[in-house]
Amino acid sequence: MIISGNNPGHVQQAADALSAGELLGLPTETVYGLAADASNESAVAKIFKAKGRPSNHPLIVHVASVDEVKKFASEVPDFAHKLMTEFWPGPLTLILPRRAEMAAVAAGGQNSVGLRCPSHPIALEVLKACAEKGVWGVAAPSANLFGRVSPTTAAHVQSEFGQDLLILDGGECDVGIESTIVDCTRGVPVLLRPGQISRIQIEQACDLKLVSPDALSSDAPRASGTLESHYAPSAQVRLMSQAEWQKALTALGPHTQNLALWSVDKPSQELLGAGLFWRLMPTSASQAAHELFGALRDFDARGVRTIWIETPPDTPEWEAVRDRLHRAAA
């Protein structure tokens, strides 16, 4: 059931559901989450079951403010404090050492925990209402079946889980892709997943160079959305240069069947046959990120079997979009 997040009574209803151990479709600025009380092991287990997600894949815990971090983290390095000050509330997740007694199931059994304070006003209202009830954090992975395309509207969530799930409608997500994840457990900031907040912004905020996980001898903590294959629609995704898709379309000619194309340039009119569905790819990286998951879901809804996507530029601002597309095509 979808309820309006603009109704204060519905926000309270959502907080009541979470404190009672139920699941909730929760809007954030990145994507919609499938939320549960992070400290309620049976409630968190419902997330893993509903998504079909392995229980050793950790979930991100969402908190109302920096004040709740100490409930879950045993230690917060100085550079992590700087990142919270600069980017919270916002689309940044920090992996921190976990207090042994807190959120073990949500953390996938690890001794670390991913924490984020979202900037979506409705998400913050729910989290504040939860904190008043003693629910200090809400585990909320993307509200989709494991490995599939993340949802950016309440309708997307309902299409995944049906009418029985309570979903708080907060409108279309502003960012459209998941948060940047930085590991703060190994003495230096380590980028585990790119997002809207860029490498340069992170390095400037904490006065340290970001390190690649491969550059360190110790194993990185497991983190959400870092599997080789992820964010995948039902259709097969193929990344192609402009020259490649133009040549391939010309070769197919009028025999194009069940094919979608997301590209900066429109195919010639003679190539736009009945079996090809074309959608314009934005030239802005932030706008492409905003539209990405919606485009993949739209193509799936049209029943296409193959999706050709023009490979984005190999520039820093496109890193997060490239990451999601490579995982969708893996």
Foldseek 3Di string as FASTA:
>chain_A
DEDALVDPVVLLVLLVCQVVLAWEFAAFLAFTWTKHLLQDLVSVVVVCVLQVHPQQFAFEKEFLAPVLVVVFAPDDDPLNVLCRVVAPQHQEKEKHQTDPNGRCRNGSNDRIHIYHHTPQPSNNSSNVSNVVVVRGIMGTDFLAHFQAAGHQFQVVNCVHRNDPHYYHGSDGRQQQHHGWYWYPYPPATETQADGQCFQVNSCVRRVGHYDYQVVDPDHDRRHPPRDQAGNAHQAAEDEDAPVVVLVVLVVCQQVAALEEEEEQDDHDPSSPHPRYHYDYQDLQLRVNSSCVSVVSVVSVVVPRRYYYYYQHDPDRSNVNVNSSRSNRND
